[in-house]
Amino acid sequence: MNIYDKKSIHCSKCDRFIGEIDCDAIVILPKCGKCANPMPEGDDKVQYIVGKFNKNPSSLVPVDQVIA
């Protein structure tokens, strides 16, 4: 086997190049990072980031109930 026995892999949703694998390998519906774990837009992004790094999701305070 040499370095030319590779095939390129593209995302099944957005057709973005992901990488190269061996020609005899089989990948079903490959996804890039953005399609596999999409980040929400706008105001939802804050809750997503806090929920991603917070180990206890029950301690989250909704944005509209924050005490000023």
PDB file of N, CA and C in Angstrom:
ATOM      1  N   MET A   1       0.850  -1.175   0.000  1.00  0.00           N
ATOM      2  CA  MET A   1       0.000   0.000   0.000  1.00  0.00           C
ATOM      3  C   MET A   1       0.896   1.239   0.000  1.00  0.00           C
ATOM      4  N   ASN A   2       0.593   2.196  -0.858  1.00  0.00           N
ATOM      5  CA  ASN A   2       1.372   3.433  -0.859  1.00  0.00           C
ATOM      6  C   ASN A   2       0.484   4.614  -0.498  1.00  0.00           C
ATOM      7  N   ILE A   3       1.040   5.814  -0.520  1.00  0.00           N
ATOM      8  CA  ILE A   3       0.288   6.991  -0.081  1.00  0.00           C
ATOM      9  C   ILE A   3      -0.814   7.394  -1.059  1.00  0.00           C
ATOM     10  N   TYR A   4      -0.795   6.823  -2.256  1.00  0.00           N
ATOM     11  CA  TYR A   4      -1.811   7.170  -3.252  1.00  0.00           C
ATOM     12  C   TYR A   4      -3.030   6.270  -3.190  1.00  0.00           C
ATOM     13  N   ASP A   5      -3.074   5.344  -2.262  1.00  0.00           N
ATOM     14  CA  ASP A   5      -4.237   4.478  -2.095  1.00  0.00           C
ATOM     15  C   ASP A   5      -5.231   5.118  -1.128  1.00  0.00           C
ATOM     16  N   LYS A   6      -5.542   6.365  -1.368  1.00  0.00           N
ATOM     17  CA  LYS A   6      -6.450   7.118  -0.502  1.00  0.00           C
ATOM     18  C   LYS A   6      -7.591   7.681  -1.343  1.00  0.00           C
ATOM     19  N   LYS A   7      -8.703   7.940  -0.680  1.00  0.00           N
ATOM     20  CA  LYS A   7      -9.801   8.647  -1.335  1.00  0.00           C
ATOM     21  C   LYS A   7     -10.243   9.775  -0.420  1.00  0.00           C
ATOM     22  N   SER A   8     -10.731  10.838  -1.010  1.00  0.00           N
ATOM     23  CA  SER A   8     -11.145  11.990  -0.224  1.00  0.00           C
ATOM     24  C   SER A   8     -12.576  11.801   0.262  1.00  0.00           C
ATOM     25  N   ILE A   9     -12.842  12.345   1.434  1.00  0.00           N
ATOM     26  CA  ILE A   9     -14.162  12.249   2.065  1.00  0.00           C
ATOM     27  C   ILE A   9     -14.755  13.655   2.137  1.00  0.00           C
ATOM     28  N   HIS A  10     -16.013  13.784   1.726  1.00  0.00           N
ATOM     29  CA  HIS A  10     -16.736  15.050   1.775  1.00  0.00           C
ATOM     30  C   HIS A  10     -17.976  14.872   2.650  1.00  0.00           C
ATOM     31  N   CYS A  11     -18.396  15.959   3.293  1.00  0.00           N
ATOM     32  CA  CYS A  11     -19.582  15.945   4.153  1.00  0.00           C
ATOM     33  C   CYS A  11     -20.817  15.589   3.329  1.00  0.00           C
ATOM     34  N   SER A  12     -21.678  14.768   3.902  1.00  0.00           N
ATOM     35  CA  SER A  12     -22.879  14.342   3.185  1.00  0.00           C
ATOM     36  C   SER A  12     -23.940  15.445   3.128  1.00  0.00           C
ATOM     37  N   LYS A  13     -23.858  16.451   4.021  1.00  0.00           N
ATOM     38  CA  LYS A  13     -24.843  17.533   4.023  1.00  0.00           C
ATOM     39  C   LYS A  13     -24.385  18.747   3.223  1.00  0.00           C
ATOM     40  N   CYS A  14     -23.177  19.247   3.502  1.00  0.00           N
ATOM     41  CA  CYS A  14     -22.735  20.499   2.879  1.00  0.00           C
ATOM     42  C   CYS A  14     -21.640  20.310   1.846  1.00  0.00           C
ATOM     43  N   ASP A  15     -21.194  19.094   1.626  1.00  0.00           N
ATOM     44  CA  ASP A  15     -20.179  18.746   0.633  1.00  0.00           C
ATOM     45  C   ASP A  15     -18.826  19.399   0.913  1.00  0.00           C
ATOM     46  N   ARG A  16     -18.513  19.681   2.170  1.00  0.00           N
ATOM     47  CA  ARG A  16     -17.217  20.228   2.572  1.00  0.00           C
ATOM     48  C   ARG A  16     -16.197  19.094   2.683  1.00  0.00           C
ATOM     49  N   PHE A  17     -14.955  19.357   2.268  1.00  0.00           N
ATOM     50  CA  PHE A  17     -13.901  18.357   2.343  1.00  0.00           C
ATOM     51  C   PHE A  17     -13.560  18.081   3.802  1.00  0.00           C
ATOM     52  N   ILE A  18     -13.536  16.793   4.190  1.00  0.00           N
ATOM     53  CA  ILE A  18     -13.221  16.395   5.562  1.00  0.00           C
ATOM     54  C   ILE A  18     -11.795  15.874   5.658  1.00  0.00           C
ATOM     55  N   GLY A  19     -11.419  14.979   4.768  1.00  0.00           N
ATOM     56  CA  GLY A  19     -10.074  14.412   4.820  1.00  0.00           C
ATOM     57  C   GLY A  19      -9.926  13.262   3.854  1.00  0.00           C
ATOM     58  N   GLU A  20      -8.904  12.440   4.091  1.00  0.00           N
ATOM     59  CA  GLU A  20      -8.628  11.294   3.235  1.00  0.00           C
ATOM     60  C   GLU A  20      -8.599  10.023   4.077  1.00  0.00           C
ATOM     61  N   ILE A  21      -9.081   8.932   3.480  1.00  0.00           N
ATOM     62  CA  ILE A  21      -9.041   7.627   4.131  1.00  0.00           C
ATOM     63  C   ILE A  21      -8.556   6.605   3.112  1.00  0.00           C
ATOM     64  N   ASP A  22      -8.276   5.395   3.570  1.00  0.00           N
ATOM     65  CA  ASP A  22      -7.852   4.320   2.676  1.00  0.00           C
ATOM     66  C   ASP A  22      -8.969   3.974   1.700  1.00  0.00           C
ATOM     67  N   CYS A  23      -8.580   3.527   0.513  1.00  0.00           N
ATOM     68  CA  CYS A  23      -9.572   3.225  -0.530  1.00  0.00           C
ATOM     69  C   CYS A  23     -10.510   2.088  -0.144  1.00  0.00           C
ATOM     70  N   ASP A  24     -10.036   1.154   0.657  1.00  0.00           N
ATOM     71  CA  ASP A  24     -10.881   0.014   1.009  1.00  0.00           C
ATOM     72  C   ASP A  24     -11.764   0.286   2.229  1.00  0.00           C
ATOM     73  N   ALA A  25     -11.658   1.457   2.856  1.00  0.00           N
ATOM     74  CA  ALA A  25     -12.496   1.804   4.010  1.00  0.00           C
ATOM     75  C   ALA A  25     -13.875   2.253   3.530  1.00  0.00           C
ATOM     76  N   ILE A  26     -14.888   2.003   4.360  1.00  0.00           N
ATOM     77  CA  ILE A  26     -16.261   2.383   4.035  1.00  0.00           C
ATOM     78  C   ILE A  26     -16.772   3.335   5.108  1.00  0.00           C
ATOM     79  N   VAL A  27     -17.270   4.483   4.687  1.00  0.00           N
ATOM     80  CA  VAL A  27     -17.850   5.466   5.594  1.00  0.00           C
ATOM     81  C   VAL A  27     -19.250   5.769   5.093  1.00  0.00           C
ATOM     82  N   ILE A  28     -20.235   5.659   5.980  1.00  0.00           N
ATOM     83  CA  ILE A  28     -21.619   5.909   5.608  1.00  0.00           C
ATOM     84  C   ILE A  28     -22.037   7.256   6.186  1.00  0.00           C
ATOM     85  N   LEU A  29     -22.472   8.160   5.324  1.00  0.00           N
ATOM     86  CA  LEU A  29     -22.936   9.501   5.676  1.00  0.00           C
ATOM     87  C   LEU A  29     -21.938  10.259   6.561  1.00  0.00           C
ATOM     88  N   PRO A  30     -20.749  10.568   6.049  1.00  0.00           N
ATOM     89  CA  PRO A  30     -19.790  11.346   6.845  1.00  0.00           C
ATOM     90  C   PRO A  30     -20.285  12.781   7.030  1.00  0.00           C
ATOM     91  N   LYS A  31     -19.979  13.378   8.188  1.00  0.00           N
ATOM     92  CA  LYS A  31     -20.384  14.748   8.487  1.00  0.00           C
ATOM     93  C   LYS A  31     -19.178  15.542   8.965  1.00  0.00           C
ATOM     94  N   CYS A  32     -19.133  16.817   8.578  1.00  0.00           N
ATOM     95  CA  CYS A  32     -18.073  17.699   9.051  1.00  0.00           C
ATOM     96  C   CYS A  32     -18.427  18.172  10.470  1.00  0.00           C
ATOM     97  N   GLY A  33     -17.556  18.942  11.086  1.00  0.00           N
ATOM     98  CA  GLY A  33     -17.781  19.395  12.462  1.00  0.00           C
ATOM     99  C   GLY A  33     -18.998  20.284  12.616  1.00  0.00           C
ATOM    100  N   LYS A  34     -19.239  21.167  11.649  1.00  0.00           N
ATOM    101  CA  LYS A  34     -20.386  22.074  11.749  1.00  0.00           C
ATOM    102  C   LYS A  34     -21.703  21.339  11.558  1.00  0.00           C
ATOM    103  N   CYS A  35     -21.730  20.332  10.703  1.00  0.00           N
ATOM    104  CA  CYS A  35     -22.973  19.580  10.478  1.00  0.00           C
ATOM    105  C   CYS A  35     -23.219  18.555  11.584  1.00  0.00           C
ATOM    106  N   ALA A  36     -22.169  18.018  12.179  1.00  0.00           N
ATOM    107  CA  ALA A  36     -22.323  17.026  13.235  1.00  0.00           C
ATOM    108  C   ALA A  36     -22.762  17.662  14.551  1.00  0.00           C
ATOM    109  N   ASN A  37     -22.262  18.872  14.842  1.00  0.00           N
ATOM    110  CA  ASN A  37     -22.591  19.551  16.090  1.00  0.00           C
ATOM    111  C   ASN A  37     -22.827  21.030  15.784  1.00  0.00           C
ATOM    112  N   PRO A  38     -23.980  21.366  15.207  1.00  0.00           N
ATOM    113  CA  PRO A  38     -24.203  22.762  14.810  1.00  0.00           C
ATOM    114  C   PRO A  38     -24.398  23.679  16.011  1.00  0.00           C
ATOM    115  N   MET A  39     -23.905  24.902  15.901  1.00  0.00           N
ATOM    116  CA  MET A  39     -24.066  25.897  16.962  1.00  0.00           C
ATOM    117  C   MET A  39     -25.251  26.781  16.604  1.00  0.00           C
ATOM    118  N   PRO A  40     -26.188  26.976  17.540  1.00  0.00           N
ATOM    119  CA  PRO A  40     -27.351  27.813  17.246  1.00  0.00           C
ATOM    120  C   PRO A  40     -26.968  29.271  17.013  1.00  0.00           C
ATOM    121  N   GLU A  41     -27.840  30.000  16.336  1.00  0.00           N
ATOM    122  CA  GLU A  41     -27.612  31.411  16.019  1.00  0.00           C
ATOM    123  C   GLU A  41     -28.303  32.311  17.037  1.00  0.00           C
ATOM    124  N   GLY A  42     -27.796  33.519  17.221  1.00  0.00           N
ATOM    125  CA  GLY A  42     -28.458  34.560  18.010  1.00  0.00           C
ATOM    126  C   GLY A  42     -28.472  34.307  19.500  1.00  0.00           C
ATOM    127  N   ASP A  43     -29.644  34.571  20.128  1.00  0.00           N
ATOM    128  CA  ASP A  43     -29.788  34.494  21.575  1.00  0.00           C
ATOM    129  C   ASP A  43     -29.628  33.076  22.113  1.00  0.00           C
ATOM    130  N   ASP A  44     -29.926  32.080  21.304  1.00  0.00           N
ATOM    131  CA  ASP A  44     -29.801  30.700  21.752  1.00  0.00           C
ATOM    132  C   ASP A  44     -28.344  30.297  21.955  1.00  0.00           C
ATOM    133  N   LYS A  45     -27.416  31.023  21.379  1.00  0.00           N
ATOM    134  CA  LYS A  45     -26.006  30.678  21.468  1.00  0.00           C
ATOM    135  C   LYS A  45     -25.502  30.744  22.920  1.00  0.00           C
ATOM    136  N   VAL A  46     -25.994  31.723  23.699  1.00  0.00           N
ATOM    137  CA  VAL A  46     -25.559  31.875  25.089  1.00  0.00           C
ATOM    138  C   VAL A  46     -25.979  30.656  25.904  1.00  0.00           C
ATOM    139  N   GLN A  47     -27.214  30.245  25.798  1.00  0.00           N
ATOM    140  CA  GLN A  47     -27.693  29.077  26.537  1.00  0.00           C
ATOM    141  C   GLN A  47     -26.964  27.813  26.091  1.00  0.00           C
ATOM    142  N   TYR A  48     -26.645  27.725  24.825  1.00  0.00           N
ATOM    143  CA  TYR A  48     -25.929  26.562  24.303  1.00  0.00           C
ATOM    144  C   TYR A  48     -24.536  26.479  24.898  1.00  0.00           C
ATOM    145  N   ILE A  49     -23.823  27.610  24.938  1.00  0.00           N
ATOM    146  CA  ILE A  49     -22.455  27.616  25.464  1.00  0.00           C
ATOM    147  C   ILE A  49     -22.464  27.338  26.957  1.00  0.00           C
ATOM    148  N   VAL A  50     -23.365  27.942  27.694  1.00  0.00           N
ATOM    149  CA  VAL A  50     -23.441  27.704  29.139  1.00  0.00           C
ATOM    150  C   VAL A  50     -23.793  26.246  29.416  1.00  0.00           C
ATOM    151  N   GLY A  51     -24.734  25.697  28.666  1.00  0.00           N
ATOM    152  CA  GLY A  51     -25.124  24.309  28.859  1.00  0.00           C
ATOM    153  C   GLY A  51     -24.026  23.336  28.467  1.00  0.00           C
ATOM    154  N   LYS A  52     -23.190  23.727  27.517  1.00  0.00           N
ATOM    155  CA  LYS A  52     -22.110  22.860  27.057  1.00  0.00           C
ATOM    156  C   LYS A  52     -21.027  22.720  28.121  1.00  0.00           C
ATOM    157  N   PHE A  53     -20.720  23.800  28.854  1.00  0.00           N
ATOM    158  CA  PHE A  53     -19.636  23.776  29.824  1.00  0.00           C
ATOM    159  C   PHE A  53     -20.107  23.594  31.266  1.00  0.00           C
ATOM    160  N   ASN A  54     -21.394  23.723  31.527  1.00  0.00           N
ATOM    161  CA  ASN A  54     -21.921  23.559  32.874  1.00  0.00           C
ATOM    162  C   ASN A  54     -22.213  22.081  33.111  1.00  0.00           C
ATOM    163  N   LYS A  55     -21.672  21.525  34.169  1.00  0.00           N
ATOM    164  CA  LYS A  55     -21.871  20.106  34.463  1.00  0.00           C
ATOM    165  C   LYS A  55     -23.254  19.826  35.060  1.00  0.00           C
ATOM    166  N   ASN A  56     -23.894  20.832  35.683  1.00  0.00           N
ATOM    167  CA  ASN A  56     -25.198  20.661  36.319  1.00  0.00           C
ATOM    168  C   ASN A  56     -26.229  21.515  35.583  1.00  0.00           C
ATOM    169  N   PRO A  57     -26.911  20.968  34.566  1.00  0.00           N
ATOM    170  CA  PRO A  57     -27.845  21.782  33.776  1.00  0.00           C
ATOM    171  C   PRO A  57     -29.064  22.258  34.555  1.00  0.00           C
ATOM    172  N   SER A  58     -29.372  21.673  35.720  1.00  0.00           N
ATOM    173  CA  SER A  58     -30.534  22.127  36.488  1.00  0.00           C
ATOM    174  C   SER A  58     -30.258  23.459  37.188  1.00  0.00           C
ATOM    175  N   SER A  59     -28.980  23.876  37.259  1.00  0.00           N
ATOM    176  CA  SER A  59     -28.653  25.128  37.909  1.00  0.00           C
ATOM    177  C   SER A  59     -28.700  26.313  36.960  1.00  0.00           C
ATOM    178  N   LEU A  60     -29.096  26.096  35.711  1.00  0.00           N
ATOM    179  CA  LEU A  60     -29.169  27.186  34.742  1.00  0.00           C
ATOM    180  C   LEU A  60     -30.340  28.104  35.065  1.00  0.00           C
ATOM    181  N   VAL A  61     -30.128  29.389  34.949  1.00  0.00           N
ATOM    182  CA  VAL A  61     -31.173  30.388  35.147  1.00  0.00           C
ATOM    183  C   VAL A  61     -31.567  30.884  33.776  1.00  0.00           C
ATOM    184  N   PRO A  62     -32.854  30.810  33.406  1.00  0.00           N
ATOM    185  CA  PRO A  62     -33.277  31.330  32.104  1.00  0.00           C
ATOM    186  C   PRO A  62     -32.958  32.810  31.958  1.00  0.00           C
ATOM    187  N   VAL A  63     -32.688  33.262  30.751  1.00  0.00           N
ATOM    188  CA  VAL A  63     -32.276  34.630  30.503  1.00  0.00           C
ATOM    189  C   VAL A  63     -33.342  35.633  30.904  1.00  0.00           C
ATOM    190  N   ASP A  64     -34.630  35.320  30.704  1.00  0.00           N
ATOM    191  CA  ASP A  64     -35.697  36.262  31.017  1.00  0.00           C
ATOM    192  C   ASP A  64     -36.028  36.307  32.506  1.00  0.00           C
ATOM    193  N   GLN A  65     -35.446  35.442  33.349  1.00  0.00           N
ATOM    194  CA  GLN A  65     -35.731  35.435  34.781  1.00  0.00           C
ATOM    195  C   GLN A  65     -34.540  35.871  35.611  1.00  0.00           C
ATOM    196  N   VAL A  66     -33.562  36.528  35.029  1.00  0.00           N
ATOM    197  CA  VAL A  66     -32.389  36.974  35.756  1.00  0.00           C
ATOM    198  C   VAL A  66     -32.777  38.142  36.660  1.00  0.00           C
ATOM    199  N   ILE A  67     -32.345  38.084  37.926  1.00  0.00           N
ATOM    200  CA  ILE A  67     -32.672  39.128  38.920  1.00  0.00           C
ATOM    201  C   ILE A  67     -31.710  40.283  38.704  1.00  0.00           C
ATOM    202  N   ALA A  68     -32.268  41.469  38.510  1.00  0.00           N
ATOM    203  CA  ALA A  68     -31.415  42.643  38.245  1.00  0.00           C
ATOM    204  C   ALA A  68     -31.123  43.393  39.523  1.00  0.00           C
TER     205      ALA A  68
END
